[in-house]
């Protein structure tokens, strides 16, 4: 018996996991293309009107060296400032990526990174619940 054909007019519904994987892939591409280096691991979560993205392994060896220099507090602050400034400059692209993927407008973006673990968390607040 042949497998049923899927009509090109009927939309294929994606699972939550598929949407989350697409977000992770898109943000990994953004990090590689815009920041110059991608994460070693990315995981995304859709929670009602929030998207939480966890990126691991984002810091370069030079950034790690700065955070362990003679003045580690200054090194950590420099790395965080630079990474925040870069992300703010790429913010319109990030908002467009999430908006196009989920069909929702990004209302706000919050982020922080750990100079100890090399991990960044990004939280997007959307203009409504994502219907999955």
C-alpha atoms as a PDB file:
ATOM      1  CA  UNK A   1       0.000   0.000   0.000  1.00  0.00           C
ATOM      2  CA  UNK A   2       1.404   3.411  -1.018  1.00  0.00           C
ATOM      3  CA  UNK A   3       1.917   6.154   1.517  1.00  0.00           C
ATOM      4  CA  UNK A   4      -0.751   8.848   1.394  1.00  0.00           C
ATOM      5  CA  UNK A   5       0.214  12.004  -0.482  1.00  0.00           C
ATOM      6  CA  UNK A   6       0.276  15.258   1.397  1.00  0.00           C
ATOM      7  CA  UNK A   7      -1.548  18.002  -0.421  1.00  0.00           C
ATOM      8  CA  UNK A   8       0.580  21.073  -1.111  1.00  0.00           C
ATOM      9  CA  UNK A   9      -2.350  23.214   0.032  1.00  0.00           C
ATOM     10  CA  UNK A  10      -2.565  21.643   3.504  1.00  0.00           C
ATOM     11  CA  UNK A  11      -0.024  23.102   5.935  1.00  0.00           C
ATOM     12  CA  UNK A  12       2.262  20.699   7.761  1.00  0.00           C
ATOM     13  CA  UNK A  13       2.093  21.344  11.487  1.00  0.00           C
ATOM     14  CA  UNK A  14       5.453  21.455  13.259  1.00  0.00           C
ATOM     15  CA  UNK A  15       5.960  20.195  16.771  1.00  0.00           C
ATOM     16  CA  UNK A  16       7.193  22.397  19.610  1.00  0.00           C
ATOM     17  CA  UNK A  17      10.538  20.606  19.398  1.00  0.00           C
ATOM     18  CA  UNK A  18      10.846  21.348  15.676  1.00  0.00           C
ATOM     19  CA  UNK A  19      10.120  25.058  16.251  1.00  0.00           C
ATOM     20  CA  UNK A  20      12.635  25.167  19.098  1.00  0.00           C
ATOM     21  CA  UNK A  21      15.279  23.424  16.965  1.00  0.00           C
ATOM     22  CA  UNK A  22      14.745  25.955  14.159  1.00  0.00           C
ATOM     23  CA  UNK A  23      15.232  28.817  16.615  1.00  0.00           C
ATOM     24  CA  UNK A  24      18.439  27.226  17.928  1.00  0.00           C
ATOM     25  CA  UNK A  25      19.768  26.737  14.397  1.00  0.00           C
ATOM     26  CA  UNK A  26      18.898  30.309  13.408  1.00  0.00           C
ATOM     27  CA  UNK A  27      20.583  31.810  16.473  1.00  0.00           C
ATOM     28  CA  UNK A  28      23.644  29.620  15.943  1.00  0.00           C
ATOM     29  CA  UNK A  29      23.875  30.988  12.372  1.00  0.00           C
ATOM     30  CA  UNK A  30      23.486  34.542  13.710  1.00  0.00           C
ATOM     31  CA  UNK A  31      26.289  34.013  16.232  1.00  0.00           C
ATOM     32  CA  UNK A  32      28.598  32.575  13.556  1.00  0.00           C
ATOM     33  CA  UNK A  33      27.877  35.213  10.928  1.00  0.00           C
ATOM     34  CA  UNK A  34      27.456  38.318  13.085  1.00  0.00           C
ATOM     35  CA  UNK A  35      29.629  37.613  16.128  1.00  0.00           C
ATOM     36  CA  UNK A  36      32.282  35.636  14.262  1.00  0.00           C
ATOM     37  CA  UNK A  37      31.959  32.478  16.301  1.00  0.00           C
ATOM     38  CA  UNK A  38      29.052  30.169  16.979  1.00  0.00           C
ATOM     39  CA  UNK A  39      28.164  28.370  20.173  1.00  0.00           C
ATOM     40  CA  UNK A  40      29.203  24.790  20.788  1.00  0.00           C
ATOM     41  CA  UNK A  41      25.628  24.016  21.836  1.00  0.00           C
ATOM     42  CA  UNK A  42      22.278  25.787  21.559  1.00  0.00           C
ATOM     43  CA  UNK A  43      18.907  24.967  23.091  1.00  0.00           C
ATOM     44  CA  UNK A  44      15.665  26.937  22.802  1.00  0.00           C
ATOM     45  CA  UNK A  45      12.401  26.802  24.705  1.00  0.00           C
ATOM     46  CA  UNK A  46       9.047  28.327  23.770  1.00  0.00           C
ATOM     47  CA  UNK A  47       6.959  29.188  26.835  1.00  0.00           C
ATOM     48  CA  UNK A  48       3.663  30.931  26.009  1.00  0.00           C
ATOM     49  CA  UNK A  49       4.809  34.418  24.887  1.00  0.00           C
ATOM     50  CA  UNK A  50       8.482  33.873  25.795  1.00  0.00           C
ATOM     51  CA  UNK A  51      11.365  32.328  23.919  1.00  0.00           C
ATOM     52  CA  UNK A  52      14.356  31.315  26.024  1.00  0.00           C
ATOM     53  CA  UNK A  53      17.619  30.530  24.240  1.00  0.00           C
ATOM     54  CA  UNK A  54      20.680  29.049  25.953  1.00  0.00           C
ATOM     55  CA  UNK A  55      23.957  29.231  24.031  1.00  0.00           C
ATOM     56  CA  UNK A  56      26.982  27.365  25.395  1.00  0.00           C
ATOM     57  CA  UNK A  57      30.613  27.856  24.449  1.00  0.00           C
ATOM     58  CA  UNK A  58      30.335  31.364  23.015  1.00  0.00           C
ATOM     59  CA  UNK A  59      33.538  32.904  24.364  1.00  0.00           C
ATOM     60  CA  UNK A  60      36.822  32.890  22.481  1.00  0.00           C
ATOM     61  CA  UNK A  61      40.107  31.852  24.117  1.00  0.00           C
ATOM     62  CA  UNK A  62      41.149  35.523  24.129  1.00  0.00           C
ATOM     63  CA  UNK A  63      37.996  36.446  26.074  1.00  0.00           C
ATOM     64  CA  UNK A  64      38.659  33.673  28.599  1.00  0.00           C
ATOM     65  CA  UNK A  65      42.220  34.991  29.027  1.00  0.00           C
ATOM     66  CA  UNK A  66      40.860  38.490  29.715  1.00  0.00           C
ATOM     67  CA  UNK A  67      38.570  37.150  32.440  1.00  0.00           C
ATOM     68  CA  UNK A  68      41.529  35.436  34.128  1.00  0.00           C
ATOM     69  CA  UNK A  69      44.000  38.312  33.810  1.00  0.00           C
ATOM     70  CA  UNK A  70      45.678  40.262  36.633  1.00  0.00           C
ATOM     71  CA  UNK A  71      42.437  42.211  37.065  1.00  0.00           C
ATOM     72  CA  UNK A  72      39.721  39.601  36.432  1.00  0.00           C
ATOM     73  CA  UNK A  73      36.863  41.930  37.414  1.00  0.00           C
ATOM     74  CA  UNK A  74      37.928  44.423  34.730  1.00  0.00           C
ATOM     75  CA  UNK A  75      38.395  41.614  32.189  1.00  0.00           C
ATOM     76  CA  UNK A  76      34.924  40.218  32.893  1.00  0.00           C
ATOM     77  CA  UNK A  77      33.393  43.682  32.588  1.00  0.00           C
ATOM     78  CA  UNK A  78      35.159  44.346  29.270  1.00  0.00           C
ATOM     79  CA  UNK A  79      33.982  41.037  27.795  1.00  0.00           C
ATOM     80  CA  UNK A  80      30.403  41.586  28.976  1.00  0.00           C
ATOM     81  CA  UNK A  81      30.329  45.186  27.679  1.00  0.00           C
ATOM     82  CA  UNK A  82      31.696  44.217  24.277  1.00  0.00           C
ATOM     83  CA  UNK A  83      29.332  41.246  23.873  1.00  0.00           C
ATOM     84  CA  UNK A  84      26.325  43.314  24.975  1.00  0.00           C
ATOM     85  CA  UNK A  85      27.189  46.122  22.540  1.00  0.00           C
ATOM     86  CA  UNK A  86      27.578  43.646  19.686  1.00  0.00           C
ATOM     87  CA  UNK A  87      24.271  41.981  20.498  1.00  0.00           C
ATOM     88  CA  UNK A  88      22.517  45.359  20.672  1.00  0.00           C
ATOM     89  CA  UNK A  89      23.821  46.202  17.195  1.00  0.00           C
ATOM     90  CA  UNK A  90      22.483  42.889  15.922  1.00  0.00           C
ATOM     91  CA  UNK A  91      19.193  43.219  17.788  1.00  0.00           C
ATOM     92  CA  UNK A  92      17.111  44.176  14.719  1.00  0.00           C
ATOM     93  CA  UNK A  93      18.340  41.015  12.974  1.00  0.00           C
ATOM     94  CA  UNK A  94      17.551  38.847  16.016  1.00  0.00           C
ATOM     95  CA  UNK A  95      14.064  40.323  16.322  1.00  0.00           C
ATOM     96  CA  UNK A  96      13.463  39.730  12.608  1.00  0.00           C
ATOM     97  CA  UNK A  97      14.663  36.112  12.873  1.00  0.00           C
ATOM     98  CA  UNK A  98      12.312  35.316  15.759  1.00  0.00           C
ATOM     99  CA  UNK A  99       9.457  37.301  14.219  1.00  0.00           C
ATOM    100  CA  UNK A 100       9.708  35.517  10.877  1.00  0.00           C
ATOM    101  CA  UNK A 101      10.009  32.069  12.436  1.00  0.00           C
ATOM    102  CA  UNK A 102       7.126  32.415  14.901  1.00  0.00           C
ATOM    103  CA  UNK A 103       4.899  34.991  13.220  1.00  0.00           C
ATOM    104  CA  UNK A 104       5.026  37.208  16.309  1.00  0.00           C
ATOM    105  CA  UNK A 105       6.573  40.603  16.993  1.00  0.00           C
ATOM    106  CA  UNK A 106       9.382  40.739  19.543  1.00  0.00           C
ATOM    107  CA  UNK A 107       8.424  43.199  22.287  1.00  0.00           C
ATOM    108  CA  UNK A 108      11.631  42.965  24.310  1.00  0.00           C
ATOM    109  CA  UNK A 109      14.937  41.143  24.471  1.00  0.00           C
ATOM    110  CA  UNK A 110      16.888  40.396  27.633  1.00  0.00           C
ATOM    111  CA  UNK A 111      20.322  38.813  27.804  1.00  0.00           C
ATOM    112  CA  UNK A 112      23.259  38.014  30.030  1.00  0.00           C
ATOM    113  CA  UNK A 113      26.355  35.897  29.754  1.00  0.00           C
ATOM    114  CA  UNK A 114      28.582  34.065  32.168  1.00  0.00           C
ATOM    115  CA  UNK A 115      32.287  34.675  31.758  1.00  0.00           C
ATOM    116  CA  UNK A 116      32.884  31.621  33.952  1.00  0.00           C
ATOM    117  CA  UNK A 117      30.952  29.080  31.859  1.00  0.00           C
ATOM    118  CA  UNK A 118      30.978  30.869  28.489  1.00  0.00           C
ATOM    119  CA  UNK A 119      27.202  30.621  28.326  1.00  0.00           C
ATOM    120  CA  UNK A 120      24.693  33.234  27.126  1.00  0.00           C
ATOM    121  CA  UNK A 121      20.981  33.328  27.890  1.00  0.00           C
ATOM    122  CA  UNK A 122      18.642  35.334  25.641  1.00  0.00           C
ATOM    123  CA  UNK A 123      14.968  35.830  26.473  1.00  0.00           C
ATOM    124  CA  UNK A 124      12.581  37.214  23.871  1.00  0.00           C
ATOM    125  CA  UNK A 125       9.190  38.533  24.979  1.00  0.00           C
ATOM    126  CA  UNK A 126       6.616  38.330  22.184  1.00  0.00           C
ATOM    127  CA  UNK A 127       3.424  40.266  21.479  1.00  0.00           C
ATOM    128  CA  UNK A 128       1.328  37.168  22.157  1.00  0.00           C
ATOM    129  CA  UNK A 129       1.337  33.469  22.811  1.00  0.00           C
ATOM    130  CA  UNK A 130       2.915  31.228  20.208  1.00  0.00           C
ATOM    131  CA  UNK A 131       0.277  28.810  18.928  1.00  0.00           C
ATOM    132  CA  UNK A 132       1.905  25.448  18.541  1.00  0.00           C
END
